[in-house]
Amino acid sequence: MASQALAKSPFCLKQSKISFYQEKKECVCKIGKYLPEIKTQVLGVRIEPIVSKNEILNCLIKLESSGIETKINPHDTDGNPRYGLLQYYLPTWYEWCVGKYNLPDEILNGNVQLECATRMIFEDKQGWRWPPLKKCL
C-alpha cells in the first residue's frame, strides 16, 4: 500500500546516483589523566538525482517563457529585451546561435532556440547565461 502511494508521488525519484564522501571528525576524549586526540572518519552517503538534458531544457523553457515560443520580454531584469522560448538576448543570439553554430537567424523559432541552447549549455558550458537554470539542476 505504501509503495503504491510512493509511486504516485511527483517527488519520487525515478533514477538516482549514489556518491560517497568522507567527513573527518575530531574529538578529544579524556582517558585517565591524559587527554588524547582521537580522529575518526565517518562515511556518508549522498543521493543525487540524475536529470536528463530534456528534463533540464523543459524546466528552463517553463521558467523562461512558460512554453510560449514567440514570447518577447521588452524589459528583462537588466532592462534589455529578451526573445523567444528561451529568452535570448540579441547579442548572445548573434554571437553563439547565428555566428558560432551557423543556425538560421530565426530568433522566434523554438526549434532553432532549442538547438542553440542545447549546444551552448551542454557542449560549451554556457548555462550560466540562464540564471534560472540552477533551479532545473
N, C-alpha and C. Protein backbone atom coordinates (compact mmCIF):
# COMPACT_ATOMS: atom_id res chain seq x y z
N MET A 1 0.83 -1.19 0.00
CA MET A 1 0.00 0.00 0.00
C MET A 1 0.88 1.25 0.00
N ALA A 2 1.89 1.28 0.86
CA ALA A 2 2.77 2.45 0.92
C ALA A 2 3.57 2.62 -0.35
N SER A 3 3.98 1.52 -0.97
CA SER A 3 4.74 1.62 -2.21
C SER A 3 3.90 2.18 -3.35
N GLN A 4 2.58 1.91 -3.33
CA GLN A 4 1.70 2.48 -4.35
C GLN A 4 1.60 3.99 -4.19
N ALA A 5 1.54 4.46 -2.97
CA ALA A 5 1.47 5.91 -2.71
C ALA A 5 2.77 6.58 -3.15
N LEU A 6 3.91 5.94 -2.90
CA LEU A 6 5.18 6.50 -3.33
C LEU A 6 5.28 6.57 -4.84
N ALA A 7 4.80 5.55 -5.52
CA ALA A 7 4.87 5.52 -6.98
C ALA A 7 4.08 6.66 -7.61
N LYS A 8 3.01 7.11 -6.95
CA LYS A 8 2.17 8.18 -7.49
C LYS A 8 2.69 9.56 -7.12
N SER A 9 3.61 9.63 -6.17
CA SER A 9 4.13 10.92 -5.70
C SER A 9 4.96 11.60 -6.79
N PRO A 10 4.73 12.89 -7.05
CA PRO A 10 5.52 13.59 -8.06
C PRO A 10 6.96 13.81 -7.62
N PHE A 11 7.24 13.58 -6.34
CA PHE A 11 8.58 13.82 -5.83
C PHE A 11 9.42 12.55 -5.76
N CYS A 12 8.87 11.45 -6.20
CA CYS A 12 9.58 10.18 -6.16
C CYS A 12 10.66 10.17 -7.24
N LEU A 13 11.91 9.91 -6.86
CA LEU A 13 13.00 9.87 -7.83
C LEU A 13 12.91 8.59 -8.65
N LYS A 14 12.94 8.73 -9.95
CA LYS A 14 12.91 7.56 -10.82
C LYS A 14 14.31 7.00 -10.99
N GLN A 15 15.30 7.88 -11.05
CA GLN A 15 16.69 7.46 -11.18
C GLN A 15 17.50 8.26 -10.17
N SER A 16 18.52 7.64 -9.66
CA SER A 16 19.41 8.38 -8.78
C SER A 16 20.80 7.78 -8.89
N LYS A 17 21.76 8.55 -8.46
CA LYS A 17 23.11 8.01 -8.36
C LYS A 17 23.55 8.21 -6.94
N ILE A 18 24.35 7.30 -6.48
CA ILE A 18 24.81 7.37 -5.12
C ILE A 18 26.28 7.74 -5.14
N SER A 19 26.65 8.76 -4.44
CA SER A 19 28.06 9.13 -4.34
C SER A 19 28.46 9.05 -2.87
N PHE A 20 29.68 8.67 -2.64
CA PHE A 20 30.18 8.54 -1.29
C PHE A 20 31.14 9.68 -0.99
N TYR A 21 31.14 10.12 0.22
CA TYR A 21 32.07 11.15 0.64
C TYR A 21 32.54 10.83 2.05
N GLN A 22 33.69 11.31 2.41
CA GLN A 22 34.20 11.10 3.76
C GLN A 22 34.28 12.43 4.48
N GLU A 23 33.92 12.39 5.72
CA GLU A 23 33.97 13.58 6.56
C GLU A 23 34.84 13.24 7.76
N LYS A 24 35.84 14.04 8.00
CA LYS A 24 36.72 13.79 9.15
C LYS A 24 36.17 14.55 10.35
N LYS A 25 36.08 13.85 11.46
CA LYS A 25 35.65 14.48 12.70
C LYS A 25 36.76 14.31 13.72
N GLU A 26 36.98 15.33 14.48
CA GLU A 26 37.98 15.26 15.53
C GLU A 26 37.29 15.46 16.87
N CYS A 27 37.67 14.65 17.84
CA CYS A 27 37.13 14.85 19.16
C CYS A 27 38.21 14.57 20.19
N VAL A 28 38.05 15.13 21.34
CA VAL A 28 39.00 14.92 22.43
C VAL A 28 38.28 14.12 23.51
N CYS A 29 38.86 13.00 23.86
CA CYS A 29 38.25 12.15 24.88
C CYS A 29 39.22 12.02 26.06
N LYS A 30 38.70 12.11 27.27
CA LYS A 30 39.55 12.01 28.46
C LYS A 30 39.66 10.56 28.88
N ILE A 31 40.90 10.12 28.94
CA ILE A 31 41.16 8.76 29.42
C ILE A 31 42.17 8.90 30.57
N GLY A 32 41.72 8.65 31.78
CA GLY A 32 42.60 8.79 32.95
C GLY A 32 43.07 10.22 33.10
N LYS A 33 44.40 10.40 33.25
CA LYS A 33 44.98 11.73 33.43
C LYS A 33 45.28 12.39 32.09
N TYR A 34 45.19 11.65 31.00
CA TYR A 34 45.59 12.15 29.69
C TYR A 34 44.40 12.63 28.87
N LEU A 35 44.67 13.52 27.95
CA LEU A 35 43.65 13.99 27.01
C LEU A 35 44.12 13.69 25.59
N PRO A 36 44.05 12.44 25.19
CA PRO A 36 44.50 12.13 23.82
C PRO A 36 43.49 12.62 22.78
N GLU A 37 43.99 12.97 21.60
CA GLU A 37 43.13 13.39 20.49
C GLU A 37 42.81 12.15 19.66
N ILE A 38 41.56 11.90 19.46
CA ILE A 38 41.13 10.74 18.69
C ILE A 38 40.49 11.23 17.40
N LYS A 39 41.01 10.78 16.28
CA LYS A 39 40.44 11.16 14.98
C LYS A 39 39.62 10.00 14.44
N THR A 40 38.45 10.31 13.97
CA THR A 40 37.61 9.27 13.37
C THR A 40 37.17 9.72 11.99
N GLN A 41 36.87 8.77 11.14
CA GLN A 41 36.33 9.08 9.83
C GLN A 41 34.92 8.55 9.74
N VAL A 42 34.02 9.36 9.24
CA VAL A 42 32.64 8.97 9.08
C VAL A 42 32.35 8.87 7.60
N LEU A 43 31.79 7.76 7.18
CA LEU A 43 31.44 7.58 5.78
C LEU A 43 29.98 7.93 5.62
N GLY A 44 29.66 8.82 4.71
CA GLY A 44 28.29 9.23 4.48
C GLY A 44 27.85 8.88 3.08
N VAL A 45 26.57 8.92 2.84
CA VAL A 45 26.02 8.63 1.52
C VAL A 45 25.17 9.81 1.09
N ARG A 46 25.39 10.27 -0.13
CA ARG A 46 24.62 11.37 -0.68
C ARG A 46 23.89 10.83 -1.92
N ILE A 47 22.59 11.03 -1.99
CA ILE A 47 21.82 10.59 -3.15
C ILE A 47 21.50 11.82 -3.99
N GLU A 48 21.88 11.78 -5.27
CA GLU A 48 21.66 12.90 -6.16
C GLU A 48 20.81 12.44 -7.34
N PRO A 49 19.83 13.24 -7.72
CA PRO A 49 19.01 12.84 -8.87
C PRO A 49 19.79 12.93 -10.17
N ILE A 50 19.46 12.06 -11.09
CA ILE A 50 20.00 12.14 -12.44
C ILE A 50 18.92 12.79 -13.29
N VAL A 51 19.24 13.92 -13.87
CA VAL A 51 18.26 14.66 -14.66
C VAL A 51 18.73 14.65 -16.10
N SER A 52 17.84 14.30 -17.01
CA SER A 52 18.21 14.23 -18.43
C SER A 52 18.29 15.63 -19.03
N LYS A 53 18.95 15.73 -20.17
CA LYS A 53 19.04 17.01 -20.88
C LYS A 53 17.64 17.53 -21.21
N ASN A 54 16.75 16.64 -21.64
CA ASN A 54 15.39 17.07 -21.98
C ASN A 54 14.65 17.63 -20.77
N GLU A 55 14.82 16.99 -19.61
CA GLU A 55 14.17 17.49 -18.40
C GLU A 55 14.72 18.86 -18.02
N ILE A 56 16.01 19.04 -18.16
CA ILE A 56 16.63 20.33 -17.85
C ILE A 56 16.10 21.41 -18.79
N LEU A 57 16.08 21.11 -20.09
CA LEU A 57 15.61 22.10 -21.06
C LEU A 57 14.13 22.40 -20.88
N ASN A 58 13.31 21.38 -20.62
CA ASN A 58 11.88 21.61 -20.39
C ASN A 58 11.65 22.48 -19.18
N CYS A 59 12.41 22.26 -18.13
CA CYS A 59 12.31 23.09 -16.93
C CYS A 59 12.70 24.53 -17.25
N LEU A 60 13.79 24.71 -18.00
CA LEU A 60 14.25 26.05 -18.35
C LEU A 60 13.22 26.78 -19.22
N ILE A 61 12.64 26.07 -20.16
CA ILE A 61 11.59 26.65 -21.02
C ILE A 61 10.42 27.12 -20.17
N LYS A 62 10.00 26.28 -19.23
CA LYS A 62 8.88 26.64 -18.36
C LYS A 62 9.19 27.90 -17.57
N LEU A 63 10.41 28.00 -17.05
CA LEU A 63 10.78 29.17 -16.24
C LEU A 63 10.96 30.43 -17.08
N GLU A 64 11.50 30.28 -18.29
CA GLU A 64 11.81 31.45 -19.12
C GLU A 64 10.60 32.00 -19.86
N SER A 65 9.80 31.12 -20.46
CA SER A 65 8.73 31.63 -21.34
C SER A 65 7.37 30.96 -21.14
N SER A 66 7.28 30.08 -20.18
CA SER A 66 6.06 29.28 -19.97
C SER A 66 5.69 28.50 -21.23
N GLY A 67 6.68 28.20 -22.07
CA GLY A 67 6.44 27.43 -23.28
C GLY A 67 5.91 28.23 -24.45
N ILE A 68 5.93 29.56 -24.35
CA ILE A 68 5.42 30.42 -25.43
C ILE A 68 6.58 30.74 -26.37
N GLU A 69 6.55 30.14 -27.54
CA GLU A 69 7.65 30.24 -28.50
C GLU A 69 7.93 31.67 -28.96
N THR A 70 6.90 32.48 -29.05
CA THR A 70 7.05 33.84 -29.58
C THR A 70 7.05 34.92 -28.49
N LYS A 71 7.30 34.52 -27.26
CA LYS A 71 7.28 35.48 -26.15
C LYS A 71 8.39 36.52 -26.31
N ILE A 72 8.04 37.76 -26.09
CA ILE A 72 9.01 38.86 -26.10
C ILE A 72 8.87 39.59 -24.77
N ASN A 73 9.96 39.71 -24.07
CA ASN A 73 10.00 40.45 -22.81
C ASN A 73 10.75 41.75 -23.11
N PRO A 74 10.04 42.87 -23.22
CA PRO A 74 10.69 44.12 -23.62
C PRO A 74 11.70 44.66 -22.60
N HIS A 75 11.54 44.29 -21.34
CA HIS A 75 12.45 44.79 -20.29
C HIS A 75 12.75 43.68 -19.30
N ASP A 76 13.82 42.95 -19.52
CA ASP A 76 14.22 41.90 -18.60
C ASP A 76 14.83 42.55 -17.35
N THR A 77 15.35 41.76 -16.43
CA THR A 77 15.86 42.31 -15.17
C THR A 77 16.98 43.32 -15.37
N ASP A 78 17.69 43.22 -16.49
CA ASP A 78 18.75 44.20 -16.78
C ASP A 78 18.26 45.35 -17.66
N GLY A 79 16.96 45.36 -17.97
CA GLY A 79 16.38 46.42 -18.77
C GLY A 79 16.41 46.16 -20.27
N ASN A 80 17.10 45.11 -20.70
CA ASN A 80 17.19 44.78 -22.12
C ASN A 80 16.12 43.76 -22.51
N PRO A 81 15.70 43.77 -23.77
CA PRO A 81 14.67 42.81 -24.20
C PRO A 81 15.24 41.40 -24.35
N ARG A 82 14.35 40.42 -24.19
CA ARG A 82 14.67 39.00 -24.39
C ARG A 82 13.60 38.42 -25.32
N TYR A 83 14.01 37.39 -26.09
CA TYR A 83 13.15 36.87 -27.14
C TYR A 83 13.00 35.36 -27.11
N GLY A 84 11.78 34.91 -27.35
CA GLY A 84 11.51 33.51 -27.65
C GLY A 84 11.41 32.57 -26.48
N LEU A 85 11.39 31.30 -26.84
CA LEU A 85 11.20 30.20 -25.91
C LEU A 85 12.20 30.22 -24.76
N LEU A 86 13.44 30.54 -25.06
CA LEU A 86 14.49 30.53 -24.04
C LEU A 86 15.00 31.93 -23.72
N GLN A 87 14.25 32.93 -24.14
CA GLN A 87 14.50 34.33 -23.78
C GLN A 87 15.94 34.76 -24.05
N TYR A 88 16.31 34.70 -25.33
CA TYR A 88 17.65 35.10 -25.75
C TYR A 88 17.83 36.61 -25.77
N TYR A 89 19.00 37.04 -25.39
CA TYR A 89 19.46 38.41 -25.51
C TYR A 89 20.06 38.51 -26.91
N LEU A 90 19.73 39.54 -27.68
CA LEU A 90 20.16 39.61 -29.09
C LEU A 90 21.66 39.46 -29.30
N PRO A 91 22.52 40.15 -28.54
CA PRO A 91 23.96 39.94 -28.77
C PRO A 91 24.40 38.47 -28.55
N THR A 92 23.81 37.81 -27.58
CA THR A 92 24.12 36.39 -27.34
C THR A 92 23.64 35.54 -28.50
N TRP A 93 22.43 35.84 -28.97
CA TRP A 93 21.85 35.12 -30.11
C TRP A 93 22.77 35.20 -31.32
N TYR A 94 23.21 36.41 -31.66
CA TYR A 94 24.03 36.58 -32.86
C TYR A 94 25.44 36.02 -32.68
N GLU A 95 25.99 36.15 -31.50
CA GLU A 95 27.34 35.62 -31.27
C GLU A 95 27.37 34.10 -31.32
N TRP A 96 26.45 33.45 -30.61
CA TRP A 96 26.50 32.00 -30.48
C TRP A 96 25.68 31.26 -31.53
N CYS A 97 24.40 31.58 -31.61
CA CYS A 97 23.49 30.80 -32.46
C CYS A 97 23.73 31.03 -33.94
N VAL A 98 23.79 32.28 -34.33
CA VAL A 98 23.98 32.61 -35.75
C VAL A 98 25.46 32.55 -36.11
N GLY A 99 26.31 33.17 -35.29
CA GLY A 99 27.74 33.23 -35.59
C GLY A 99 28.47 31.91 -35.42
N LYS A 100 28.50 31.40 -34.20
CA LYS A 100 29.30 30.20 -33.91
C LYS A 100 28.69 28.92 -34.49
N TYR A 101 27.37 28.74 -34.33
CA TYR A 101 26.73 27.49 -34.74
C TYR A 101 26.12 27.54 -36.14
N ASN A 102 26.14 28.70 -36.79
CA ASN A 102 25.57 28.87 -38.13
C ASN A 102 24.12 28.42 -38.23
N LEU A 103 23.35 28.71 -37.20
CA LEU A 103 21.92 28.37 -37.22
C LEU A 103 21.17 29.50 -37.93
N PRO A 104 19.96 29.20 -38.44
CA PRO A 104 19.18 30.25 -39.11
C PRO A 104 18.86 31.40 -38.15
N ASP A 105 18.84 32.60 -38.69
CA ASP A 105 18.53 33.78 -37.88
C ASP A 105 17.01 33.89 -37.72
N GLU A 106 16.46 32.95 -36.94
CA GLU A 106 15.02 32.90 -36.66
C GLU A 106 14.85 32.84 -35.15
N ILE A 107 15.00 33.98 -34.51
CA ILE A 107 15.02 34.03 -33.06
C ILE A 107 13.71 33.59 -32.41
N LEU A 108 12.60 33.68 -33.11
CA LEU A 108 11.33 33.24 -32.54
C LEU A 108 10.96 31.81 -32.95
N ASN A 109 11.90 31.08 -33.51
CA ASN A 109 11.70 29.68 -33.86
C ASN A 109 12.19 28.84 -32.68
N GLY A 110 11.26 28.18 -32.01
CA GLY A 110 11.59 27.40 -30.82
C GLY A 110 12.58 26.28 -31.08
N ASN A 111 12.49 25.62 -32.23
CA ASN A 111 13.41 24.53 -32.54
C ASN A 111 14.84 25.03 -32.70
N VAL A 112 14.99 26.19 -33.33
CA VAL A 112 16.32 26.76 -33.51
C VAL A 112 16.87 27.18 -32.14
N GLN A 113 16.04 27.80 -31.32
CA GLN A 113 16.48 28.19 -29.98
C GLN A 113 16.89 26.97 -29.16
N LEU A 114 16.12 25.90 -29.25
CA LEU A 114 16.43 24.68 -28.51
C LEU A 114 17.75 24.08 -28.95
N GLU A 115 18.00 24.05 -30.25
CA GLU A 115 19.26 23.54 -30.78
C GLU A 115 20.43 24.38 -30.25
N CYS A 116 20.27 25.68 -30.29
CA CYS A 116 21.32 26.57 -29.82
C CYS A 116 21.56 26.41 -28.33
N ALA A 117 20.50 26.39 -27.54
CA ALA A 117 20.64 26.26 -26.08
C ALA A 117 21.27 24.92 -25.71
N THR A 118 20.90 23.88 -26.39
CA THR A 118 21.47 22.56 -26.12
C THR A 118 22.98 22.58 -26.32
N ARG A 119 23.40 23.16 -27.40
CA ARG A 119 24.83 23.23 -27.68
C ARG A 119 25.55 24.17 -26.71
N MET A 120 24.93 25.31 -26.43
CA MET A 120 25.55 26.26 -25.52
C MET A 120 25.71 25.67 -24.10
N ILE A 121 24.64 25.05 -23.61
CA ILE A 121 24.64 24.57 -22.23
C ILE A 121 25.48 23.30 -22.06
N PHE A 122 25.28 22.33 -22.95
CA PHE A 122 25.89 21.02 -22.73
C PHE A 122 27.23 20.81 -23.43
N GLU A 123 27.51 21.57 -24.49
CA GLU A 123 28.79 21.42 -25.17
C GLU A 123 29.78 22.52 -24.76
N ASP A 124 29.28 23.75 -24.68
CA ASP A 124 30.18 24.88 -24.43
C ASP A 124 30.08 25.45 -23.02
N LYS A 125 29.34 24.78 -22.15
CA LYS A 125 29.26 25.16 -20.72
C LYS A 125 28.87 26.63 -20.53
N GLN A 126 27.85 27.06 -21.26
CA GLN A 126 27.37 28.44 -21.18
C GLN A 126 26.05 28.56 -20.41
N GLY A 127 25.74 27.55 -19.60
CA GLY A 127 24.50 27.57 -18.83
C GLY A 127 24.37 28.76 -17.90
N TRP A 128 25.49 29.32 -17.49
CA TRP A 128 25.46 30.49 -16.59
C TRP A 128 24.72 31.66 -17.21
N ARG A 129 24.53 31.66 -18.52
CA ARG A 129 23.81 32.75 -19.19
C ARG A 129 22.32 32.73 -18.88
N TRP A 130 21.82 31.62 -18.33
CA TRP A 130 20.43 31.49 -17.91
C TRP A 130 20.41 31.32 -16.40
N PRO A 131 20.29 32.42 -15.64
CA PRO A 131 20.29 32.28 -14.18
C PRO A 131 19.24 31.29 -13.62
N PRO A 132 18.03 31.19 -14.22
CA PRO A 132 17.07 30.22 -13.68
C PRO A 132 17.49 28.75 -13.86
N LEU A 133 18.51 28.50 -14.68
CA LEU A 133 18.93 27.12 -14.95
C LEU A 133 19.29 26.37 -13.67
N LYS A 134 19.85 27.05 -12.70
CA LYS A 134 20.25 26.37 -11.45
C LYS A 134 19.05 25.75 -10.74
N LYS A 135 17.84 26.26 -10.97
CA LYS A 135 16.64 25.67 -10.37
C LYS A 135 16.28 24.35 -11.05
N CYS A 136 16.83 24.11 -12.23
CA CYS A 136 16.49 22.92 -13.00
C CYS A 136 17.46 21.78 -12.81
N LEU A 137 18.55 22.03 -12.14
CA LEU A 137 19.59 21.01 -11.98
C LEU A 137 19.43 20.21 -10.72
